[in-house]
């Protein structure tokens, strides 16, 4: 039994792939591909990798670095 909760490997890999594809292919390529379309896609991604950061700061930093590479539209 684990002493502390961990992020399941498939969940981490999926989120990492989504962030990477947002950088490479653009935001529209990922919003809604693996679930419902999110009106606040940026907030959705922030929430998902903040969860990872809370359980594994090192893995969360990797995701945050990838998130910071995404080109977000300016309003």
PDB file of N, CA and C in Angstrom:
ATOM      1  N   UNK A   1       0.838  -1.178   0.000  1.00  0.00           N
ATOM      2  CA  UNK A   1       0.000   0.000   0.000  1.00  0.00           C
ATOM      3  C   UNK A   1       0.888   1.249   0.000  1.00  0.00           C
ATOM      4  N   UNK A   2       0.478   2.258  -0.758  1.00  0.00           N
ATOM      5  CA  UNK A   2       1.235   3.499  -0.834  1.00  0.00           C
ATOM      6  C   UNK A   2       1.060   4.328   0.430  1.00  0.00           C
ATOM      7  N   UNK A   3       2.154   4.930   0.886  1.00  0.00           N
ATOM      8  CA  UNK A   3       2.092   5.794   2.062  1.00  0.00           C
ATOM      9  C   UNK A   3       1.460   7.141   1.723  1.00  0.00           C
ATOM     10  N   UNK A   4       1.651   7.578   0.487  1.00  0.00           N
ATOM     11  CA  UNK A   4       1.089   8.849   0.028  1.00  0.00           C
ATOM     12  C   UNK A   4       0.391   8.621  -1.311  1.00  0.00           C
ATOM     13  N   UNK A   5      -0.652   9.398  -1.604  1.00  0.00           N
ATOM     14  CA  UNK A   5      -1.322   9.252  -2.898  1.00  0.00           C
ATOM     15  C   UNK A   5      -0.404   9.710  -4.031  1.00  0.00           C
ATOM     16  N   UNK A   6      -0.515   9.052  -5.156  1.00  0.00           N
ATOM     17  CA  UNK A   6       0.291   9.411  -6.331  1.00  0.00           C
ATOM     18  C   UNK A   6      -0.620   9.602  -7.531  1.00  0.00           C
ATOM     19  N   UNK A   7      -0.137  10.368  -8.488  1.00  0.00           N
ATOM     20  CA  UNK A   7      -0.852  10.573  -9.739  1.00  0.00           C
ATOM     21  C   UNK A   7      -0.693   9.301 -10.567  1.00  0.00           C
ATOM     22  N   UNK A   8      -1.795   8.715 -11.020  1.00  0.00           N
ATOM     23  CA  UNK A   8      -1.667   7.528 -11.866  1.00  0.00           C
ATOM     24  C   UNK A   8      -0.880   7.856 -13.136  1.00  0.00           C
ATOM     25  N   UNK A   9      -0.010   6.956 -13.510  1.00  0.00           N
ATOM     26  CA  UNK A   9       0.847   7.165 -14.682  1.00  0.00           C
ATOM     27  C   UNK A   9       0.049   7.499 -15.939  1.00  0.00           C
ATOM     28  N   UNK A  10      -1.058   6.786 -16.227  1.00  0.00           N
ATOM     29  CA  UNK A  10      -1.829   7.137 -17.433  1.00  0.00           C
ATOM     30  C   UNK A  10      -2.393   8.558 -17.394  1.00  0.00           C
ATOM     31  N   UNK A  11      -2.831   9.014 -16.233  1.00  0.00           N
ATOM     32  CA  UNK A  11      -3.376  10.367 -16.109  1.00  0.00           C
ATOM     33  C   UNK A  11      -2.297  11.410 -16.357  1.00  0.00           C
ATOM     34  N   UNK A  12      -1.095  11.164 -15.818  1.00  0.00           N
ATOM     35  CA  UNK A  12       0.011  12.094 -16.037  1.00  0.00           C
ATOM     36  C   UNK A  12       0.391  12.124 -17.516  1.00  0.00           C
ATOM     37  N   UNK A  13       0.496  10.952 -18.123  1.00  0.00           N
ATOM     38  CA  UNK A  13       0.872  10.868 -19.535  1.00  0.00           C
ATOM     39  C   UNK A  13      -0.136  11.547 -20.442  1.00  0.00           C
ATOM     40  N   UNK A  14      -1.412  11.371 -20.138  1.00  0.00           N
ATOM     41  CA  UNK A  14      -2.448  12.005 -20.951  1.00  0.00           C
ATOM     42  C   UNK A  14      -2.361  13.526 -20.855  1.00  0.00           C
ATOM     43  N   UNK A  15      -2.204  14.032 -19.643  1.00  0.00           N
ATOM     44  CA  UNK A  15      -2.111  15.482 -19.468  1.00  0.00           C
ATOM     45  C   UNK A  15      -0.863  16.031 -20.137  1.00  0.00           C
ATOM     46  N   UNK A  16       0.248  15.340 -19.999  1.00  0.00           N
ATOM     47  CA  UNK A  16       1.485  15.773 -20.650  1.00  0.00           C
ATOM     48  C   UNK A  16       1.312  15.815 -22.173  1.00  0.00           C
ATOM     49  N   UNK A  17       0.630  14.810 -22.724  1.00  0.00           N
ATOM     50  CA  UNK A  17       0.390  14.775 -24.167  1.00  0.00           C
ATOM     51  C   UNK A  17      -0.512  15.929 -24.603  1.00  0.00           C
ATOM     52  N   UNK A  18      -1.550  16.220 -23.828  1.00  0.00           N
ATOM     53  CA  UNK A  18      -2.443  17.328 -24.162  1.00  0.00           C
ATOM     54  C   UNK A  18      -1.663  18.635 -24.184  1.00  0.00           C
ATOM     55  N   UNK A  19      -0.855  18.880 -23.160  1.00  0.00           N
ATOM     56  CA  UNK A  19      -0.078  20.121 -23.105  1.00  0.00           C
ATOM     57  C   UNK A  19       0.901  20.201 -24.272  1.00  0.00           C
ATOM     58  N   UNK A  20       1.585  19.104 -24.552  1.00  0.00           N
ATOM     59  CA  UNK A  20       2.539  19.087 -25.662  1.00  0.00           C
ATOM     60  C   UNK A  20       1.833  19.376 -26.988  1.00  0.00           C
ATOM     61  N   UNK A  21       0.691  18.731 -27.203  1.00  0.00           N
ATOM     62  CA  UNK A  21      -0.041  18.944 -28.447  1.00  0.00           C
ATOM     63  C   UNK A  21      -0.599  20.359 -28.555  1.00  0.00           C
ATOM     64  N   UNK A  22      -0.937  20.982 -27.433  1.00  0.00           N
ATOM     65  CA  UNK A  22      -1.366  22.388 -27.461  1.00  0.00           C
ATOM     66  C   UNK A  22      -0.229  23.273 -27.961  1.00  0.00           C
ATOM     67  N   UNK A  23       0.996  22.952 -27.544  1.00  0.00           N
ATOM     68  CA  UNK A  23       2.161  23.728 -27.985  1.00  0.00           C
ATOM     69  C   UNK A  23       2.409  23.498 -29.467  1.00  0.00           C
ATOM     70  N   UNK A  24       2.397  22.258 -29.893  1.00  0.00           N
ATOM     71  CA  UNK A  24       2.785  21.892 -31.255  1.00  0.00           C
ATOM     72  C   UNK A  24       1.672  22.150 -32.266  1.00  0.00           C
ATOM     73  N   UNK A  25       0.436  21.768 -31.929  1.00  0.00           N
ATOM     74  CA  UNK A  25      -0.666  21.807 -32.887  1.00  0.00           C
ATOM     75  C   UNK A  25      -1.670  22.920 -32.636  1.00  0.00           C
ATOM     76  N   UNK A  26      -1.605  23.554 -31.489  1.00  0.00           N
ATOM     77  CA  UNK A  26      -2.539  24.628 -31.163  1.00  0.00           C
ATOM     78  C   UNK A  26      -3.636  24.162 -30.232  1.00  0.00           C
ATOM     79  N   UNK A  27      -4.263  25.120 -29.587  1.00  0.00           N
ATOM     80  CA  UNK A  27      -5.288  24.836 -28.575  1.00  0.00           C
ATOM     81  C   UNK A  27      -6.496  24.107 -29.146  1.00  0.00           C
ATOM     82  N   UNK A  28      -6.946  24.525 -30.311  1.00  0.00           N
ATOM     83  CA  UNK A  28      -8.155  23.936 -30.880  1.00  0.00           C
ATOM     84  C   UNK A  28      -7.995  22.448 -31.148  1.00  0.00           C
ATOM     85  N   UNK A  29      -6.772  21.998 -31.324  1.00  0.00           N
ATOM     86  CA  UNK A  29      -6.543  20.581 -31.608  1.00  0.00           C
ATOM     87  C   UNK A  29      -6.793  19.697 -30.394  1.00  0.00           C
ATOM     88  N   UNK A  30      -6.830  20.271 -29.196  1.00  0.00           N
ATOM     89  CA  UNK A  30      -6.930  19.472 -27.978  1.00  0.00           C
ATOM     90  C   UNK A  30      -8.204  19.672 -27.173  1.00  0.00           C
ATOM     91  N   UNK A  31      -8.810  20.826 -27.257  1.00  0.00           N
ATOM     92  CA  UNK A  31     -10.007  21.089 -26.457  1.00  0.00           C
ATOM     93  C   UNK A  31     -11.158  20.240 -26.981  1.00  0.00           C
ATOM     94  N   UNK A  32     -11.564  19.258 -26.194  1.00  0.00           N
ATOM     95  CA  UNK A  32     -12.674  18.401 -26.568  1.00  0.00           C
ATOM     96  C   UNK A  32     -12.265  17.074 -27.171  1.00  0.00           C
ATOM     97  N   UNK A  33     -10.981  16.863 -27.419  1.00  0.00           N
ATOM     98  CA  UNK A  33     -10.530  15.612 -28.027  1.00  0.00           C
ATOM     99  C   UNK A  33     -10.706  14.440 -27.071  1.00  0.00           C
ATOM    100  N   UNK A  34     -10.344  14.625 -25.814  1.00  0.00           N
ATOM    101  CA  UNK A  34     -10.414  13.535 -24.833  1.00  0.00           C
ATOM    102  C   UNK A  34     -11.510  13.769 -23.798  1.00  0.00           C
ATOM    103  N   UNK A  35     -12.572  14.410 -24.204  1.00  0.00           N
ATOM    104  CA  UNK A  35     -13.664  14.691 -23.284  1.00  0.00           C
ATOM    105  C   UNK A  35     -14.491  15.849 -23.810  1.00  0.00           C
ATOM    106  N   UNK A  36     -15.276  16.473 -22.944  1.00  0.00           N
ATOM    107  CA  UNK A  36     -16.126  17.581 -23.393  1.00  0.00           C
ATOM    108  C   UNK A  36     -15.309  18.823 -23.735  1.00  0.00           C
ATOM    109  N   UNK A  37     -15.872  19.659 -24.587  1.00  0.00           N
ATOM    110  CA  UNK A  37     -15.249  20.941 -24.912  1.00  0.00           C
ATOM    111  C   UNK A  37     -15.390  21.848 -23.697  1.00  0.00           C
ATOM    112  N   UNK A  38     -14.312  22.494 -23.314  1.00  0.00           N
ATOM    113  CA  UNK A  38     -14.307  23.374 -22.147  1.00  0.00           C
ATOM    114  C   UNK A  38     -14.274  24.828 -22.604  1.00  0.00           C
ATOM    115  N   UNK A  39     -15.234  25.600 -22.140  1.00  0.00           N
ATOM    116  CA  UNK A  39     -15.266  27.022 -22.461  1.00  0.00           C
ATOM    117  C   UNK A  39     -14.075  27.755 -21.871  1.00  0.00           C
ATOM    118  N   UNK A  40     -13.624  27.313 -20.722  1.00  0.00           N
ATOM    119  CA  UNK A  40     -12.458  27.885 -20.046  1.00  0.00           C
ATOM    120  C   UNK A  40     -11.342  26.836 -20.059  1.00  0.00           C
ATOM    121  N   UNK A  41     -10.846  26.536 -21.241  1.00  0.00           N
ATOM    122  CA  UNK A  41      -9.859  25.465 -21.410  1.00  0.00           C
ATOM    123  C   UNK A  41      -8.588  25.737 -20.610  1.00  0.00           C
ATOM    124  N   UNK A  42      -8.174  26.993 -20.562  1.00  0.00           N
ATOM    125  CA  UNK A  42      -6.964  27.340 -19.808  1.00  0.00           C
ATOM    126  C   UNK A  42      -7.157  27.013 -18.322  1.00  0.00           C
ATOM    127  N   UNK A  43      -8.283  27.411 -17.766  1.00  0.00           N
ATOM    128  CA  UNK A  43      -8.566  27.132 -16.357  1.00  0.00           C
ATOM    129  C   UNK A  43      -8.672  25.625 -16.111  1.00  0.00           C
ATOM    130  N   UNK A  44      -9.249  24.912 -17.048  1.00  0.00           N
ATOM    131  CA  UNK A  44      -9.353  23.463 -16.940  1.00  0.00           C
ATOM    132  C   UNK A  44      -7.966  22.828 -16.846  1.00  0.00           C
ATOM    133  N   UNK A  45      -7.061  23.232 -17.739  1.00  0.00           N
ATOM    134  CA  UNK A  45      -5.700  22.687 -17.725  1.00  0.00           C
ATOM    135  C   UNK A  45      -4.967  23.079 -16.441  1.00  0.00           C
ATOM    136  N   UNK A  46      -5.128  24.324 -16.013  1.00  0.00           N
ATOM    137  CA  UNK A  46      -4.492  24.767 -14.761  1.00  0.00           C
ATOM    138  C   UNK A  46      -4.951  23.910 -13.582  1.00  0.00           C
ATOM    139  N   UNK A  47      -6.212  23.626 -13.536  1.00  0.00           N
ATOM    140  CA  UNK A  47      -6.744  22.805 -12.455  1.00  0.00           C
ATOM    141  C   UNK A  47      -6.195  21.396 -12.489  1.00  0.00           C
ATOM    142  N   UNK A  48      -6.093  20.836 -13.689  1.00  0.00           N
ATOM    143  CA  UNK A  48      -5.593  19.462 -13.798  1.00  0.00           C
ATOM    144  C   UNK A  48      -4.141  19.357 -13.381  1.00  0.00           C
ATOM    145  N   UNK A  49      -3.298  20.266 -13.849  1.00  0.00           N
ATOM    146  CA  UNK A  49      -1.897  20.091 -13.471  1.00  0.00           C
ATOM    147  C   UNK A  49      -1.601  20.661 -12.089  1.00  0.00           C
ATOM    148  N   UNK A  50      -2.477  21.497 -11.543  1.00  0.00           N
ATOM    149  CA  UNK A  50      -2.328  21.902 -10.142  1.00  0.00           C
ATOM    150  C   UNK A  50      -2.560  20.706  -9.227  1.00  0.00           C
ATOM    151  N   UNK A  51      -3.482  19.840  -9.627  1.00  0.00           N
ATOM    152  CA  UNK A  51      -3.709  18.593  -8.886  1.00  0.00           C
ATOM    153  C   UNK A  51      -2.441  17.743  -8.889  1.00  0.00           C
ATOM    154  N   UNK A  52      -1.790  17.653 -10.057  1.00  0.00           N
ATOM    155  CA  UNK A  52      -0.542  16.886 -10.143  1.00  0.00           C
ATOM    156  C   UNK A  52       0.518  17.534  -9.247  1.00  0.00           C
ATOM    157  N   UNK A  53       0.633  18.860  -9.298  1.00  0.00           N
ATOM    158  CA  UNK A  53       1.606  19.576  -8.465  1.00  0.00           C
ATOM    159  C   UNK A  53       1.383  19.317  -6.976  1.00  0.00           C
ATOM    160  N   UNK A  54       0.124  19.207  -6.574  1.00  0.00           N
ATOM    161  CA  UNK A  54      -0.162  19.003  -5.157  1.00  0.00           C
ATOM    162  C   UNK A  54       0.302  17.628  -4.675  1.00  0.00           C
ATOM    163  N   UNK A  55       0.336  16.662  -5.558  1.00  0.00           N
ATOM    164  CA  UNK A  55       0.762  15.312  -5.197  1.00  0.00           C
ATOM    165  C   UNK A  55       2.231  15.052  -5.499  1.00  0.00           C
ATOM    166  N   UNK A  56       2.734  15.699  -6.545  1.00  0.00           N
ATOM    167  CA  UNK A  56       4.117  15.483  -6.965  1.00  0.00           C
ATOM    168  C   UNK A  56       4.679  16.790  -7.523  1.00  0.00           C
ATOM    169  N   UNK A  57       5.291  17.609  -6.669  1.00  0.00           N
ATOM    170  CA  UNK A  57       5.793  18.912  -7.122  1.00  0.00           C
ATOM    171  C   UNK A  57       6.751  18.823  -8.313  1.00  0.00           C
ATOM    172  N   UNK A  58       7.603  17.833  -8.355  1.00  0.00           N
ATOM    173  CA  UNK A  58       8.564  17.733  -9.464  1.00  0.00           C
ATOM    174  C   UNK A  58       7.850  17.460 -10.784  1.00  0.00           C
ATOM    175  N   UNK A  59       6.914  16.538 -10.778  1.00  0.00           N
ATOM    176  CA  UNK A  59       6.160  16.241 -12.002  1.00  0.00           C
ATOM    177  C   UNK A  59       5.283  17.425 -12.381  1.00  0.00           C
ATOM    178  N   UNK A  60       4.738  18.104 -11.385  1.00  0.00           N
ATOM    179  CA  UNK A  60       3.920  19.285 -11.644  1.00  0.00           C
ATOM    180  C   UNK A  60       4.723  20.398 -12.301  1.00  0.00           C
ATOM    181  N   UNK A  61       5.977  20.569 -11.885  1.00  0.00           N
ATOM    182  CA  UNK A  61       6.838  21.592 -12.503  1.00  0.00           C
ATOM    183  C   UNK A  61       7.065  21.290 -13.977  1.00  0.00           C
ATOM    184  N   UNK A  62       7.231  20.017 -14.295  1.00  0.00           N
ATOM    185  CA  UNK A  62       7.412  19.632 -15.701  1.00  0.00           C
ATOM    186  C   UNK A  62       6.189  20.035 -16.516  1.00  0.00           C
ATOM    187  N   UNK A  63       5.007  19.786 -15.966  1.00  0.00           N
ATOM    188  CA  UNK A  63       3.784  20.158 -16.669  1.00  0.00           C
ATOM    189  C   UNK A  63       3.636  21.674 -16.754  1.00  0.00           C
ATOM    190  N   UNK A  64       3.965  22.383 -15.676  1.00  0.00           N
ATOM    191  CA  UNK A  64       3.865  23.845 -15.690  1.00  0.00           C
ATOM    192  C   UNK A  64       4.795  24.447 -16.748  1.00  0.00           C
ATOM    193  N   UNK A  65       5.984  23.903 -16.873  1.00  0.00           N
ATOM    194  CA  UNK A  65       6.910  24.390 -17.909  1.00  0.00           C
ATOM    195  C   UNK A  65       6.326  24.204 -19.299  1.00  0.00           C
ATOM    196  N   UNK A  66       5.697  23.063 -19.538  1.00  0.00           N
ATOM    197  CA  UNK A  66       5.064  22.826 -20.835  1.00  0.00           C
ATOM    198  C   UNK A  66       3.861  23.755 -21.017  1.00  0.00           C
ATOM    199  N   UNK A  67       3.077  23.944 -19.972  1.00  0.00           N
ATOM    200  CA  UNK A  67       1.924  24.848 -20.019  1.00  0.00           C
ATOM    201  C   UNK A  67       2.362  26.268 -20.380  1.00  0.00           C
ATOM    202  N   UNK A  68       3.487  26.703 -19.838  1.00  0.00           N
ATOM    203  CA  UNK A  68       3.976  28.060 -20.098  1.00  0.00           C
ATOM    204  C   UNK A  68       4.444  28.253 -21.537  1.00  0.00           C
ATOM    205  N   UNK A  69       4.627  27.182 -22.270  1.00  0.00           N
ATOM    206  CA  UNK A  69       5.014  27.276 -23.679  1.00  0.00           C
ATOM    207  C   UNK A  69       3.818  27.483 -24.609  1.00  0.00           C
ATOM    208  N   UNK A  70       2.600  27.272 -24.103  1.00  0.00           N
ATOM    209  CA  UNK A  70       1.402  27.392 -24.928  1.00  0.00           C
ATOM    210  C   UNK A  70       1.162  28.852 -25.282  1.00  0.00           C
ATOM    211  N   UNK A  71       0.824  29.103 -26.536  1.00  0.00           N
ATOM    212  CA  UNK A  71       0.467  30.459 -26.982  1.00  0.00           C
ATOM    213  C   UNK A  71      -1.035  30.659 -26.774  1.00  0.00           C
ATOM    214  N   UNK A  72      -1.363  31.459 -25.779  1.00  0.00           N
ATOM    215  CA  UNK A  72      -2.764  31.731 -25.470  1.00  0.00           C
ATOM    216  C   UNK A  72      -3.211  32.966 -26.233  1.00  0.00           C
ATOM    217  N   UNK A  73      -4.442  32.974 -26.734  1.00  0.00           N
ATOM    218  CA  UNK A  73      -4.916  34.167 -27.442  1.00  0.00           C
ATOM    219  C   UNK A  73      -5.017  35.356 -26.502  1.00  0.00           C
ATOM    220  N   UNK A  74      -4.688  36.501 -27.011  1.00  0.00           N
ATOM    221  CA  UNK A  74      -4.789  37.731 -26.207  1.00  0.00           C
ATOM    222  C   UNK A  74      -6.097  38.427 -26.537  1.00  0.00           C
ATOM    223  N   UNK A  75      -6.742  38.927 -25.510  1.00  0.00           N
ATOM    224  CA  UNK A  75      -8.030  39.590 -25.697  1.00  0.00           C
ATOM    225  C   UNK A  75      -7.888  41.062 -25.510  1.00  0.00           C
TER     226      UNK A  75
END
